C-alpha atoms as a PDB file:
ATOM      1  CA  UNK A   1       4.527  -9.963 -30.604  1.00  0.00           C
ATOM      2  CA  UNK A   2       8.444 -11.069 -30.520  1.00  0.00           C
ATOM      3  CA  UNK A   3      10.447  -7.896 -29.912  1.00  0.00           C
ATOM      4  CA  UNK A   4      12.783  -6.737 -33.282  1.00  0.00           C
ATOM      5  CA  UNK A   5      16.589  -6.505 -31.695  1.00  0.00           C
ATOM      6  CA  UNK A   6      18.913  -5.002 -34.238  1.00  0.00           C
ATOM      7  CA  UNK A   7      22.644  -6.007 -33.808  1.00  0.00           C
ATOM      8  CA  UNK A   8      25.639  -3.800 -34.674  1.00  0.00           C
ATOM      9  CA  UNK A   9      28.426  -5.160 -34.668  1.00  0.00           C
ATOM     10  CA  UNK A  10      31.424  -5.160 -36.934  1.00  0.00           C
ATOM     11  CA  UNK A  11      32.499  -8.391 -36.346  1.00  0.00           C
ATOM     12  CA  UNK A  12      30.818 -10.965 -38.093  1.00  0.00           C
ATOM     13  CA  UNK A  13      31.329 -13.569 -36.147  1.00  0.00           C
ATOM     14  CA  UNK A  14      29.878 -11.730 -33.263  1.00  0.00           C
ATOM     15  CA  UNK A  15      26.669 -11.002 -35.106  1.00  0.00           C
ATOM     16  CA  UNK A  16      26.461 -14.392 -36.161  1.00  0.00           C
ATOM     17  CA  UNK A  17      26.568 -15.711 -32.554  1.00  0.00           C
ATOM     18  CA  UNK A  18      24.597 -13.174 -30.616  1.00  0.00           C
ATOM     19  CA  UNK A  19      21.613 -13.545 -33.884  1.00  0.00           C
ATOM     20  CA  UNK A  20      21.380 -17.370 -33.184  1.00  0.00           C
ATOM     21  CA  UNK A  21      20.860 -16.760 -29.701  1.00  0.00           C
ATOM     22  CA  UNK A  22      18.139 -14.185 -29.724  1.00  0.00           C
ATOM     23  CA  UNK A  23      16.460 -15.972 -32.672  1.00  0.00           C
ATOM     24  CA  UNK A  24      16.517 -19.329 -30.539  1.00  0.00           C
ATOM     25  CA  UNK A  25      14.528 -17.304 -27.803  1.00  0.00           C
ATOM     26  CA  UNK A  26      12.183 -15.933 -30.052  1.00  0.00           C
ATOM     27  CA  UNK A  27      13.384 -12.263 -31.470  1.00  0.00           C
ATOM     28  CA  UNK A  28      13.529 -11.207 -34.862  1.00  0.00           C
ATOM     29  CA  UNK A  29      16.854 -10.344 -35.585  1.00  0.00           C
ATOM     30  CA  UNK A  30      18.327  -7.143 -37.722  1.00  0.00           C
ATOM     31  CA  UNK A  31      22.183  -6.951 -38.314  1.00  0.00           C
ATOM     32  CA  UNK A  32      24.565  -3.472 -39.257  1.00  0.00           C
ATOM     33  CA  UNK A  33      28.194  -3.907 -39.791  1.00  0.00           C
ATOM     34  CA  UNK A  34      28.667  -0.077 -38.858  1.00  0.00           C
ATOM     35  CA  UNK A  35      27.741   2.626 -36.547  1.00  0.00           C
ATOM     36  CA  UNK A  36      26.569   4.552 -39.773  1.00  0.00           C
ATOM     37  CA  UNK A  37      24.547   1.193 -41.052  1.00  0.00           C
ATOM     38  CA  UNK A  38      23.049   0.764 -37.521  1.00  0.00           C
ATOM     39  CA  UNK A  39      21.421   4.531 -37.430  1.00  0.00           C
ATOM     40  CA  UNK A  40      20.027   3.764 -41.258  1.00  0.00           C
ATOM     41  CA  UNK A  41      17.858   0.692 -39.624  1.00  0.00           C
ATOM     42  CA  UNK A  42      16.850   2.483 -36.541  1.00  0.00           C
ATOM     43  CA  UNK A  43      15.568   5.373 -38.810  1.00  0.00           C
ATOM     44  CA  UNK A  44      13.411   3.355 -41.776  1.00  0.00           C
ATOM     45  CA  UNK A  45      12.837  -0.430 -39.586  1.00  0.00           C
ATOM     46  CA  UNK A  46      10.329  -0.931 -36.345  1.00  0.00           C
ATOM     47  CA  UNK A  47      13.254  -1.428 -33.661  1.00  0.00           C
ATOM     48  CA  UNK A  48      12.474  -2.189 -29.844  1.00  0.00           C
ATOM     49  CA  UNK A  49      16.268  -2.791 -28.939  1.00  0.00           C
ATOM     50  CA  UNK A  50      19.475  -2.367 -29.864  1.00  0.00           C
ATOM     51  CA  UNK A  51      22.917  -4.481 -29.019  1.00  0.00           C
ATOM     52  CA  UNK A  52      25.448  -1.920 -29.347  1.00  0.00           C
ATOM     53  CA  UNK A  53      29.089  -2.300 -30.217  1.00  0.00           C
ATOM     54  CA  UNK A  54      31.429   0.461 -28.847  1.00  0.00           C
ATOM     55  CA  UNK A  55      34.564  -0.308 -30.979  1.00  0.00           C
ATOM     56  CA  UNK A  56      33.255   0.366 -34.128  1.00  0.00           C
ATOM     57  CA  UNK A  57      34.752   1.875 -37.567  1.00  0.00           C
ATOM     58  CA  UNK A  58      33.327   4.822 -38.404  1.00  0.00           C
ATOM     59  CA  UNK A  59      31.402   6.643 -36.128  1.00  0.00           C
ATOM     60  CA  UNK A  60      31.881   4.853 -32.710  1.00  0.00           C
ATOM     61  CA  UNK A  61      29.039   3.409 -30.234  1.00  0.00           C
ATOM     62  CA  UNK A  62      28.969   6.238 -28.135  1.00  0.00           C
ATOM     63  CA  UNK A  63      28.292   8.754 -31.047  1.00  0.00           C
ATOM     64  CA  UNK A  64      25.689   5.864 -32.565  1.00  0.00           C
ATOM     65  CA  UNK A  65      23.789   6.078 -28.436  1.00  0.00           C
ATOM     66  CA  UNK A  66      23.849   9.824 -28.634  1.00  0.00           C
ATOM     67  CA  UNK A  67      22.435  10.096 -32.336  1.00  0.00           C
ATOM     68  CA  UNK A  68      19.366   7.270 -31.248  1.00  0.00           C
ATOM     69  CA  UNK A  69      18.706   8.855 -28.116  1.00  0.00           C
ATOM     70  CA  UNK A  70      18.248  12.041 -29.650  1.00  0.00           C
ATOM     71  CA  UNK A  71      16.026  10.819 -32.689  1.00  0.00           C
ATOM     72  CA  UNK A  72      14.441   7.343 -30.709  1.00  0.00           C
ATOM     73  CA  UNK A  73      14.509   8.098 -27.252  1.00  0.00           C
ATOM     74  CA  UNK A  74      12.239   4.910 -26.037  1.00  0.00           C
ATOM     75  CA  UNK A  75      14.543   2.436 -28.144  1.00  0.00           C
ATOM     76  CA  UNK A  76      16.198   0.020 -25.864  1.00  0.00           C
ATOM     77  CA  UNK A  77      20.132  -0.042 -25.986  1.00  0.00           C
ATOM     78  CA  UNK A  78      22.760  -2.259 -24.554  1.00  0.00           C
ATOM     79  CA  UNK A  79      26.129  -1.400 -25.124  1.00  0.00           C
ATOM     80  CA  UNK A  80      28.665  -4.317 -26.091  1.00  0.00           C
ATOM     81  CA  UNK A  81      32.517  -3.393 -24.925  1.00  0.00           C
ATOM     82  CA  UNK A  82      35.891  -5.087 -24.900  1.00  0.00           C
ATOM     83  CA  UNK A  83      37.088  -2.857 -22.003  1.00  0.00           C
ATOM     84  CA  UNK A  84      36.807  -3.531 -18.534  1.00  0.00           C
ATOM     85  CA  UNK A  85      37.362  -0.517 -17.670  1.00  0.00           C
ATOM     86  CA  UNK A  86      34.546   1.680 -15.783  1.00  0.00           C
ATOM     87  CA  UNK A  87      34.434   4.356 -17.041  1.00  0.00           C
ATOM     88  CA  UNK A  88      33.440   3.127 -20.501  1.00  0.00           C
ATOM     89  CA  UNK A  89      30.759   1.174 -18.579  1.00  0.00           C
ATOM     90  CA  UNK A  90      29.977   4.812 -16.976  1.00  0.00           C
ATOM     91  CA  UNK A  91      30.522   6.550 -20.234  1.00  0.00           C
ATOM     92  CA  UNK A  92      28.258   4.353 -22.551  1.00  0.00           C
ATOM     93  CA  UNK A  93      24.925   5.079 -19.667  1.00  0.00           C
ATOM     94  CA  UNK A  94      25.801   8.660 -19.838  1.00  0.00           C
ATOM     95  CA  UNK A  95      25.375   8.804 -23.120  1.00  0.00           C
ATOM     96  CA  UNK A  96      21.859   6.939 -22.874  1.00  0.00           C
ATOM     97  CA  UNK A  97      22.231   3.154 -22.952  1.00  0.00           C
ATOM     98  CA  UNK A  98      20.337   1.131 -20.726  1.00  0.00           C
ATOM     99  CA  UNK A  99      22.794  -1.996 -20.038  1.00  0.00           C
ATOM    100  CA  UNK A 100      26.029  -2.661 -21.163  1.00  0.00           C
ATOM    101  CA  UNK A 101      28.099  -6.490 -21.067  1.00  0.00           C
ATOM    102  CA  UNK A 102      31.805  -6.588 -21.110  1.00  0.00           C
ATOM    103  CA  UNK A 103      33.144  -8.801 -23.930  1.00  0.00           C
ATOM    104  CA  UNK A 104      33.979 -11.946 -23.678  1.00  0.00           C
ATOM    105  CA  UNK A 105      30.313 -12.809 -22.289  1.00  0.00           C
ATOM    106  CA  UNK A 106      28.327 -15.599 -22.006  1.00  0.00           C
ATOM    107  CA  UNK A 107      24.844 -15.783 -24.255  1.00  0.00           C
ATOM    108  CA  UNK A 108      22.560 -17.024 -21.731  1.00  0.00           C
ATOM    109  CA  UNK A 109      23.715 -13.599 -19.711  1.00  0.00           C
ATOM    110  CA  UNK A 110      22.666 -11.609 -22.362  1.00  0.00           C
ATOM    111  CA  UNK A 111      19.357 -13.436 -23.198  1.00  0.00           C
ATOM    112  CA  UNK A 112      18.875 -12.209 -19.747  1.00  0.00           C
ATOM    113  CA  UNK A 113      19.585  -8.925 -19.915  1.00  0.00           C
ATOM    114  CA  UNK A 114      17.696  -8.491 -23.138  1.00  0.00           C
ATOM    115  CA  UNK A 115      14.487  -9.684 -21.394  1.00  0.00           C
ATOM    116  CA  UNK A 116      14.748  -7.775 -18.626  1.00  0.00           C
ATOM    117  CA  UNK A 117      15.477  -4.079 -20.895  1.00  0.00           C
ATOM    118  CA  UNK A 118      12.069  -5.669 -23.004  1.00  0.00           C
ATOM    119  CA  UNK A 119      10.114  -6.360 -20.038  1.00  0.00           C
ATOM    120  CA  UNK A 120      11.142  -2.831 -18.606  1.00  0.00           C
ATOM    121  CA  UNK A 121       9.871  -1.684 -22.298  1.00  0.00           C
ATOM    122  CA  UNK A 122       6.316  -3.690 -22.081  1.00  0.00           C
ATOM    123  CA  UNK A 123       5.842  -2.690 -18.663  1.00  0.00           C
ATOM    124  CA  UNK A 124       6.291   1.781 -19.983  1.00  0.00           C
ATOM    125  CA  UNK A 125       3.624   0.456 -22.674  1.00  0.00           C
ATOM    126  CA  UNK A 126       1.252  -1.453 -20.546  1.00  0.00           C
ATOM    127  CA  UNK A 127      -2.322   0.921 -20.458  1.00  0.00           C
ATOM    128  CA  UNK A 128      -3.975   1.066 -17.163  1.00  0.00           C
ATOM    129  CA  UNK A 129      -6.977   2.296 -15.507  1.00  0.00           C
ATOM    130  CA  UNK A 130      -5.116   4.790 -13.562  1.00  0.00           C
ATOM    131  CA  UNK A 131      -3.519   6.533 -17.055  1.00  0.00           C
ATOM    132  CA  UNK A 132      -2.737  10.417 -15.044  1.00  0.00           C
ATOM    133  CA  UNK A 133       0.067  10.162 -12.506  1.00  0.00           C
ATOM    134  CA  UNK A 134       0.472  13.464 -10.840  1.00  0.00           C
ATOM    135  CA  UNK A 135       2.949  14.825  -8.231  1.00  0.00           C
ATOM    136  CA  UNK A 136       3.286  18.350  -9.072  1.00  0.00           C
ATOM    137  CA  UNK A 137       4.824  20.329 -10.967  1.00  0.00           C
ATOM    138  CA  UNK A 138       4.941  16.866 -12.950  1.00  0.00           C
ATOM    139  CA  UNK A 139       2.250  14.478 -14.669  1.00  0.00           C
ATOM    140  CA  UNK A 140       3.218  10.370 -16.408  1.00  0.00           C
ATOM    141  CA  UNK A 141       0.677   9.662 -18.797  1.00  0.00           C
ATOM    142  CA  UNK A 142       1.132   6.408 -18.724  1.00  0.00           C
ATOM    143  CA  UNK A 143      -0.873   5.392 -21.923  1.00  0.00           C
ATOM    144  CA  UNK A 144       1.592   7.582 -24.043  1.00  0.00           C
ATOM    145  CA  UNK A 145       4.021   6.547 -21.832  1.00  0.00           C
ATOM    146  CA  UNK A 146       5.255  10.408 -21.870  1.00  0.00           C
ATOM    147  CA  UNK A 147       6.697  12.257 -19.069  1.00  0.00           C
ATOM    148  CA  UNK A 148       5.758  16.375 -18.651  1.00  0.00           C
ATOM    149  CA  UNK A 149       6.925  18.824 -16.266  1.00  0.00           C
ATOM    150  CA  UNK A 150       4.772  22.086 -15.353  1.00  0.00           C
ATOM    151  CA  UNK A 151       3.261  20.776 -18.771  1.00  0.00           C
ATOM    152  CA  UNK A 152       6.471  20.348 -21.678  1.00  0.00           C
ATOM    153  CA  UNK A 153       7.556  17.036 -22.352  1.00  0.00           C
ATOM    154  CA  UNK A 154      10.378  15.701 -21.202  1.00  0.00           C
ATOM    155  CA  UNK A 155      11.977  12.853 -23.153  1.00  0.00           C
ATOM    156  CA  UNK A 156      12.890   9.660 -21.144  1.00  0.00           C
ATOM    157  CA  UNK A 157      14.758   6.440 -21.852  1.00  0.00           C
ATOM    158  CA  UNK A 158      12.712   3.522 -21.287  1.00  0.00           C
ATOM    159  CA  UNK A 159      15.094   3.244 -18.115  1.00  0.00           C
ATOM    160  CA  UNK A 160      14.459   6.237 -16.717  1.00  0.00           C
ATOM    161  CA  UNK A 161      10.903   6.072 -17.348  1.00  0.00           C
ATOM    162  CA  UNK A 162      10.646   3.196 -15.572  1.00  0.00           C
ATOM    163  CA  UNK A 163      12.466   5.310 -12.197  1.00  0.00           C
ATOM    164  CA  UNK A 164      10.275   7.642 -12.569  1.00  0.00           C
ATOM    165  CA  UNK A 165       7.514   5.910 -12.236  1.00  0.00           C
ATOM    166  CA  UNK A 166       9.015   4.299  -9.112  1.00  0.00           C
ATOM    167  CA  UNK A 167       9.132   7.058  -7.620  1.00  0.00           C
ATOM    168  CA  UNK A 168       5.820   8.913  -8.313  1.00  0.00           C
ATOM    169  CA  UNK A 169       4.470   5.759  -7.603  1.00  0.00           C
ATOM    170  CA  UNK A 170       5.542   5.408  -3.991  1.00  0.00           C
ATOM    171  CA  UNK A 171       6.581   9.344  -3.323  1.00  0.00           C
ATOM    172  CA  UNK A 172       8.269   9.444  -0.187  1.00  0.00           C
ATOM    173  CA  UNK A 173       9.590   5.846   0.236  1.00  0.00           C
ATOM    174  CA  UNK A 174      12.875   5.320   0.545  1.00  0.00           C
ATOM    175  CA  UNK A 175      14.027   3.238  -2.088  1.00  0.00           C
ATOM    176  CA  UNK A 176      17.618   1.021  -1.217  1.00  0.00           C
ATOM    177  CA  UNK A 177      19.549   0.411  -4.244  1.00  0.00           C
ATOM    178  CA  UNK A 178      19.048  -3.307  -4.842  1.00  0.00           C
ATOM    179  CA  UNK A 179      15.683  -2.218  -4.576  1.00  0.00           C
ATOM    180  CA  UNK A 180      15.415  -0.605  -7.236  1.00  0.00           C
ATOM    181  CA  UNK A 181      17.577  -2.439  -9.331  1.00  0.00           C
ATOM    182  CA  UNK A 182      15.239  -5.380  -8.669  1.00  0.00           C
ATOM    183  CA  UNK A 183      12.195  -3.446  -9.323  1.00  0.00           C
ATOM    184  CA  UNK A 184      13.250  -1.652 -12.392  1.00  0.00           C
ATOM    185  CA  UNK A 185      15.988  -3.991 -14.230  1.00  0.00           C
ATOM    186  CA  UNK A 186      14.459  -7.078 -12.245  1.00  0.00           C
ATOM    187  CA  UNK A 187      14.902  -9.891 -10.148  1.00  0.00           C
ATOM    188  CA  UNK A 188      17.365 -11.850 -12.584  1.00  0.00           C
ATOM    189  CA  UNK A 189      19.588  -8.635 -13.128  1.00  0.00           C
ATOM    190  CA  UNK A 190      23.316  -9.842 -12.842  1.00  0.00           C
ATOM    191  CA  UNK A 191      25.190  -6.494 -13.244  1.00  0.00           C
ATOM    192  CA  UNK A 192      26.913  -3.565 -10.973  1.00  0.00           C
ATOM    193  CA  UNK A 193      24.360  -1.974  -8.656  1.00  0.00           C
ATOM    194  CA  UNK A 194      26.307   1.307 -10.151  1.00  0.00           C
ATOM    195  CA  UNK A 195      23.897   1.784 -12.871  1.00  0.00           C
ATOM    196  CA  UNK A 196      20.981   2.578 -10.481  1.00  0.00           C
ATOM    197  CA  UNK A 197      23.520   5.394  -9.736  1.00  0.00           C
ATOM    198  CA  UNK A 198      23.606   6.493 -13.216  1.00  0.00           C
ATOM    199  CA  UNK A 199      20.427   6.605 -14.409  1.00  0.00           C
ATOM    200  CA  UNK A 200      19.079   8.649 -11.711  1.00  0.00           C
ATOM    201  CA  UNK A 201      21.496  11.164 -12.251  1.00  0.00           C
ATOM    202  CA  UNK A 202      20.535  11.243 -15.782  1.00  0.00           C
ATOM    203  CA  UNK A 203      17.313  11.441 -14.804  1.00  0.00           C
ATOM    204  CA  UNK A 204      18.220  14.450 -12.091  1.00  0.00           C
ATOM    205  CA  UNK A 205      19.975  16.098 -15.058  1.00  0.00           C
ATOM    206  CA  UNK A 206      16.183  16.134 -17.446  1.00  0.00           C
ATOM    207  CA  UNK A 207      14.162  17.597 -14.469  1.00  0.00           C
ATOM    208  CA  UNK A 208      15.698  18.785 -11.850  1.00  0.00           C
ATOM    209  CA  UNK A 209      16.018  22.692 -11.810  1.00  0.00           C
ATOM    210  CA  UNK A 210      19.418  22.583 -10.838  1.00  0.00           C
ATOM    211  CA  UNK A 211      20.512  18.527 -10.821  1.00  0.00           C
ATOM    212  CA  UNK A 212      24.065  19.333  -8.227  1.00  0.00           C
ATOM    213  CA  UNK A 213      21.483  20.501  -5.540  1.00  0.00           C
ATOM    214  CA  UNK A 214      18.210  17.916  -6.181  1.00  0.00           C
ATOM    215  CA  UNK A 215      14.393  18.714  -5.024  1.00  0.00           C
ATOM    216  CA  UNK A 216      12.431  15.791  -6.372  1.00  0.00           C
ATOM    217  CA  UNK A 217      14.864  13.016  -5.895  1.00  0.00           C
ATOM    218  CA  UNK A 218      16.487  12.716  -2.633  1.00  0.00           C
ATOM    219  CA  UNK A 219      19.512  11.238  -1.874  1.00  0.00           C
ATOM    220  CA  UNK A 220      18.754   9.210   1.430  1.00  0.00           C
ATOM    221  CA  UNK A 221      22.378   8.743   3.075  1.00  0.00           C
ATOM    222  CA  UNK A 222      23.588   5.119   3.465  1.00  0.00           C
ATOM    223  CA  UNK A 223      20.100   3.792   1.931  1.00  0.00           C
ATOM    224  CA  UNK A 224      19.467   5.442  -1.880  1.00  0.00           C
ATOM    225  CA  UNK A 225      16.509   7.314  -3.024  1.00  0.00           C
ATOM    226  CA  UNK A 226      13.136   8.394  -2.534  1.00  0.00           C
ATOM    227  CA  UNK A 227      10.372  11.344  -4.697  1.00  0.00           C
ATOM    228  CA  UNK A 228      10.028  13.529  -2.093  1.00  0.00           C
ATOM    229  CA  UNK A 229       6.777  14.254  -1.243  1.00  0.00           C
ATOM    230  CA  UNK A 230       5.651  17.887  -2.318  1.00  0.00           C
ATOM    231  CA  UNK A 231       3.699  19.878   0.159  1.00  0.00           C
END
């Protein structure tokens, strides 16, 4: 079944451009010209991924992302920004976006990023025989795509879930940033590896007792990260 993409962008020419390219690749496309309209559509329609412009009339993309993450944590979000400063990209990731692109962008790159995020969402939805992964005090139910700490559910984005699942399935293994990028985002991802660090920081803030002194996701200096084996 084709994924449903919501494009939240106030410039109609850009919305049309994005829509044409997405539909050519088999996606169903919905459109919104403001953040308020985008939130309303996401609440009432079956949406898998939101392509979200940062600079919107009314509430901006950051605020829209915050609302969508609180209400629809399984939603995939790609933020579009006309600004090239790293701070805007980092802020978008901190608010919960899965990816970002800077305008003007190549439509082929946008499609690759949408497909990469689609694979992450589909992977998190796949049912397999070993439906429960355990690494105390955590448990991952891969059937329902739920993550628990001490039997209390923690809401994770599709990207955070994919990273957590990768770590738990490979406890003790040190992953380079590029390995995480390839295994979670996909080998055709063309973005910055900083996206790994931001998502790790966001994941730590949700699962660690003290994210500044992590006890589960360890930093392996000069390499990357690993999930600590519990004794």
